[in-house]
Amino acid sequence: MFDGTHHEPVRRAQRPTLSAREVEVLTTWLRLGSKEAAAEKLFISPATVSTHIVRIRAKYAAAGREATTKSALFARAVQDGYTTLEEW
């Protein structure tokens, strides 16, 4: 029976596609604790680390899964298989 109500299908949250370099920058930053330390380790500038993090956050926001804090980015990286708890 049709009751005139239209229901949108539930959309599953998408996993954003991060480049290998984005994953490397993200996990290095998470592991070392600061953008400066990550930059030194990766031979890039802290501004470049910041740019990567901004782009990663934008990708998560576009997928409907905002990650506005460092902890949230870590959780998303684990959820999406970009890192594992065993690596930490």
N, C-alpha and C. Protein backbone atom coordinates (compact mmCIF):
# COMPACT_ATOMS: atom_id res chain seq x y z
N MET A 1 0.84 -1.17 0.00
CA MET A 1 0.00 0.00 0.00
C MET A 1 0.89 1.24 0.00
N PHE A 2 0.57 2.19 -0.85
CA PHE A 2 1.34 3.42 -0.95
C PHE A 2 0.70 4.48 -0.08
N ASP A 3 1.48 5.04 0.85
CA ASP A 3 0.92 6.05 1.76
C ASP A 3 1.32 7.47 1.38
N GLY A 4 2.00 7.63 0.24
CA GLY A 4 2.39 8.96 -0.20
C GLY A 4 3.68 9.46 0.43
N THR A 5 4.25 8.70 1.34
CA THR A 5 5.49 9.09 1.99
C THR A 5 6.67 8.58 1.17
N HIS A 6 7.59 9.46 0.91
CA HIS A 6 8.79 9.08 0.15
C HIS A 6 9.96 8.98 1.12
N HIS A 7 10.61 7.85 1.12
CA HIS A 7 11.76 7.66 2.01
C HIS A 7 13.02 7.55 1.16
N GLU A 8 14.01 8.32 1.53
CA GLU A 8 15.30 8.23 0.86
C GLU A 8 16.04 7.01 1.40
N PRO A 9 16.75 6.30 0.54
CA PRO A 9 17.53 5.17 1.04
C PRO A 9 18.63 5.67 1.97
N VAL A 10 18.94 4.88 2.95
CA VAL A 10 20.01 5.23 3.88
C VAL A 10 21.33 5.09 3.12
N ARG A 11 22.10 6.15 3.13
CA ARG A 11 23.37 6.15 2.43
C ARG A 11 24.49 5.80 3.41
N ARG A 12 25.24 4.80 3.07
CA ARG A 12 26.36 4.41 3.91
C ARG A 12 27.50 5.41 3.73
N ALA A 13 28.13 5.75 4.83
CA ALA A 13 29.25 6.70 4.79
C ALA A 13 30.34 6.15 3.88
N GLN A 14 30.90 7.02 3.10
CA GLN A 14 31.93 6.61 2.16
C GLN A 14 33.31 6.74 2.76
N ARG A 15 34.19 5.89 2.28
CA ARG A 15 35.59 5.96 2.66
C ARG A 15 36.28 6.87 1.65
N PRO A 16 36.83 8.00 2.10
CA PRO A 16 37.51 8.87 1.15
C PRO A 16 38.79 8.20 0.64
N THR A 17 39.14 8.51 -0.57
CA THR A 17 40.36 7.96 -1.15
C THR A 17 41.51 8.92 -0.85
N LEU A 18 42.43 8.45 -0.04
CA LEU A 18 43.63 9.23 0.28
C LEU A 18 44.78 8.71 -0.55
N SER A 19 45.61 9.61 -1.02
CA SER A 19 46.80 9.20 -1.77
C SER A 19 47.79 8.55 -0.80
N ALA A 20 48.74 7.83 -1.36
CA ALA A 20 49.77 7.20 -0.53
C ALA A 20 50.53 8.27 0.26
N ARG A 21 50.79 9.40 -0.37
CA ARG A 21 51.51 10.48 0.32
C ARG A 21 50.66 11.07 1.44
N GLU A 22 49.37 11.24 1.21
CA GLU A 22 48.49 11.75 2.26
C GLU A 22 48.48 10.80 3.46
N VAL A 23 48.42 9.51 3.20
CA VAL A 23 48.46 8.53 4.29
C VAL A 23 49.79 8.61 5.02
N GLU A 24 50.88 8.73 4.28
CA GLU A 24 52.20 8.83 4.90
C GLU A 24 52.31 10.07 5.78
N VAL A 25 51.85 11.21 5.27
CA VAL A 25 51.91 12.45 6.05
C VAL A 25 51.01 12.34 7.28
N LEU A 26 49.80 11.85 7.09
CA LEU A 26 48.85 11.72 8.20
C LEU A 26 49.41 10.82 9.30
N THR A 27 49.87 9.64 8.95
CA THR A 27 50.34 8.71 9.99
C THR A 27 51.63 9.19 10.64
N THR A 28 52.48 9.86 9.88
CA THR A 28 53.71 10.41 10.47
C THR A 28 53.37 11.51 11.46
N TRP A 29 52.46 12.39 11.08
CA TRP A 29 52.01 13.46 11.98
C TRP A 29 51.37 12.89 13.24
N LEU A 30 50.51 11.89 13.07
CA LEU A 30 49.87 11.28 14.24
C LEU A 30 50.90 10.62 15.15
N ARG A 31 51.85 9.94 14.55
CA ARG A 31 52.85 9.21 15.33
C ARG A 31 53.82 10.14 16.05
N LEU A 32 54.28 11.18 15.39
CA LEU A 32 55.31 12.05 15.97
C LEU A 32 54.74 13.20 16.81
N GLY A 33 53.47 13.49 16.62
CA GLY A 33 52.81 14.44 17.50
C GLY A 33 52.80 15.90 17.09
N SER A 34 53.65 16.28 16.15
CA SER A 34 53.62 17.68 15.72
C SER A 34 53.88 17.77 14.23
N LYS A 35 53.39 18.83 13.65
CA LYS A 35 53.60 19.06 12.22
C LYS A 35 55.08 19.32 11.94
N GLU A 36 55.74 19.98 12.86
CA GLU A 36 57.17 20.27 12.68
C GLU A 36 57.98 18.98 12.66
N ALA A 37 57.70 18.07 13.59
CA ALA A 37 58.43 16.80 13.63
C ALA A 37 58.14 15.95 12.40
N ALA A 38 56.88 15.93 11.98
CA ALA A 38 56.52 15.18 10.77
C ALA A 38 57.22 15.76 9.55
N ALA A 39 57.25 17.08 9.47
CA ALA A 39 57.91 17.75 8.34
C ALA A 39 59.39 17.39 8.27
N GLU A 40 60.04 17.42 9.42
CA GLU A 40 61.47 17.09 9.47
C GLU A 40 61.70 15.65 9.02
N LYS A 41 60.89 14.74 9.51
CA LYS A 41 61.02 13.32 9.17
C LYS A 41 60.80 13.08 7.67
N LEU A 42 59.86 13.82 7.08
CA LEU A 42 59.49 13.59 5.68
C LEU A 42 60.21 14.52 4.70
N PHE A 43 61.09 15.38 5.23
CA PHE A 43 61.85 16.32 4.40
C PHE A 43 60.93 17.26 3.61
N ILE A 44 59.91 17.76 4.30
CA ILE A 44 59.00 18.76 3.73
C ILE A 44 58.82 19.86 4.76
N SER A 45 58.15 20.92 4.40
CA SER A 45 57.93 22.01 5.34
C SER A 45 56.70 21.75 6.21
N PRO A 46 56.64 22.36 7.39
CA PRO A 46 55.43 22.26 8.21
C PRO A 46 54.19 22.76 7.48
N ALA A 47 54.36 23.76 6.61
CA ALA A 47 53.22 24.26 5.83
C ALA A 47 52.69 23.18 4.88
N THR A 48 53.58 22.37 4.34
CA THR A 48 53.16 21.28 3.46
C THR A 48 52.41 20.22 4.25
N VAL A 49 52.86 19.93 5.45
CA VAL A 49 52.13 19.00 6.32
C VAL A 49 50.73 19.56 6.57
N SER A 50 50.65 20.82 6.90
CA SER A 50 49.35 21.46 7.15
C SER A 50 48.44 21.37 5.93
N THR A 51 49.00 21.60 4.76
CA THR A 51 48.21 21.52 3.53
C THR A 51 47.65 20.12 3.33
N HIS A 52 48.47 19.11 3.56
CA HIS A 52 47.99 17.72 3.45
C HIS A 52 46.86 17.46 4.44
N ILE A 53 47.02 17.90 5.67
CA ILE A 53 46.00 17.66 6.70
C ILE A 53 44.69 18.38 6.33
N VAL A 54 44.79 19.59 5.83
CA VAL A 54 43.59 20.33 5.40
C VAL A 54 42.88 19.56 4.28
N ARG A 55 43.63 19.05 3.33
CA ARG A 55 43.03 18.30 2.21
C ARG A 55 42.41 17.00 2.69
N ILE A 56 43.06 16.33 3.62
CA ILE A 56 42.51 15.09 4.17
C ILE A 56 41.20 15.38 4.89
N ARG A 57 41.19 16.42 5.70
CA ARG A 57 39.95 16.79 6.41
C ARG A 57 38.84 17.14 5.43
N ALA A 58 39.18 17.82 4.35
CA ALA A 58 38.19 18.18 3.32
C ALA A 58 37.62 16.93 2.66
N LYS A 59 38.46 15.94 2.42
CA LYS A 59 37.98 14.69 1.82
C LYS A 59 37.01 13.98 2.76
N TYR A 60 37.33 13.96 4.05
CA TYR A 60 36.41 13.33 5.01
C TYR A 60 35.11 14.12 5.10
N ALA A 61 35.18 15.43 5.10
CA ALA A 61 33.96 16.25 5.16
C ALA A 61 33.10 16.01 3.92
N ALA A 62 33.72 15.91 2.75
CA ALA A 62 32.98 15.67 1.51
C ALA A 62 32.30 14.31 1.53
N ALA A 63 32.87 13.37 2.27
CA ALA A 63 32.28 12.03 2.39
C ALA A 63 31.23 11.97 3.49
N GLY A 64 30.99 13.11 4.13
CA GLY A 64 29.99 13.15 5.20
C GLY A 64 30.49 12.61 6.53
N ARG A 65 31.81 12.61 6.70
CA ARG A 65 32.42 12.06 7.91
C ARG A 65 33.49 13.02 8.42
N GLU A 66 33.06 14.15 8.91
CA GLU A 66 34.01 15.16 9.36
C GLU A 66 34.99 14.61 10.39
N ALA A 67 36.18 15.15 10.35
CA ALA A 67 37.24 14.78 11.30
C ALA A 67 37.98 16.06 11.65
N THR A 68 37.41 16.81 12.56
CA THR A 68 37.93 18.15 12.86
C THR A 68 39.03 18.17 13.90
N THR A 69 39.27 17.05 14.56
CA THR A 69 40.33 16.98 15.56
C THR A 69 41.34 15.91 15.17
N LYS A 70 42.48 15.97 15.80
CA LYS A 70 43.51 14.96 15.56
C LYS A 70 43.01 13.57 15.96
N SER A 71 42.32 13.49 17.08
CA SER A 71 41.76 12.21 17.53
C SER A 71 40.76 11.66 16.53
N ALA A 72 39.94 12.55 15.97
CA ALA A 72 38.95 12.11 14.98
C ALA A 72 39.64 11.61 13.72
N LEU A 73 40.70 12.27 13.30
CA LEU A 73 41.45 11.80 12.13
C LEU A 73 42.07 10.44 12.39
N PHE A 74 42.60 10.24 13.58
CA PHE A 74 43.16 8.93 13.93
C PHE A 74 42.07 7.86 13.86
N ALA A 75 40.92 8.15 14.45
CA ALA A 75 39.81 7.18 14.43
C ALA A 75 39.39 6.87 13.00
N ARG A 76 39.27 7.88 12.17
CA ARG A 76 38.88 7.66 10.77
C ARG A 76 39.93 6.82 10.03
N ALA A 77 41.19 7.11 10.26
CA ALA A 77 42.26 6.36 9.60
C ALA A 77 42.20 4.88 9.98
N VAL A 78 41.90 4.60 11.24
CA VAL A 78 41.76 3.20 11.68
C VAL A 78 40.50 2.59 11.06
N GLN A 79 39.38 3.30 11.15
CA GLN A 79 38.12 2.79 10.59
C GLN A 79 38.25 2.45 9.11
N ASP A 80 39.00 3.24 8.39
CA ASP A 80 39.10 3.09 6.95
C ASP A 80 40.29 2.26 6.49
N GLY A 81 41.04 1.71 7.43
CA GLY A 81 42.13 0.81 7.08
C GLY A 81 43.41 1.49 6.63
N TYR A 82 43.53 2.78 6.86
CA TYR A 82 44.77 3.47 6.50
C TYR A 82 45.87 3.21 7.52
N THR A 83 45.49 2.77 8.69
CA THR A 83 46.42 2.33 9.72
C THR A 83 45.67 1.35 10.61
N THR A 84 46.38 0.66 11.47
CA THR A 84 45.75 -0.27 12.40
C THR A 84 46.19 0.05 13.81
N LEU A 85 45.41 -0.39 14.77
CA LEU A 85 45.80 -0.18 16.16
C LEU A 85 47.08 -0.92 16.49
N GLU A 86 47.32 -2.04 15.83
CA GLU A 86 48.54 -2.82 16.08
C GLU A 86 49.80 -2.05 15.71
N GLU A 87 49.68 -1.12 14.77
CA GLU A 87 50.84 -0.32 14.36
C GLU A 87 51.25 0.69 15.42
N TRP A 88 50.39 0.95 16.38
CA TRP A 88 50.65 1.98 17.38
C TRP A 88 51.08 1.34 18.66
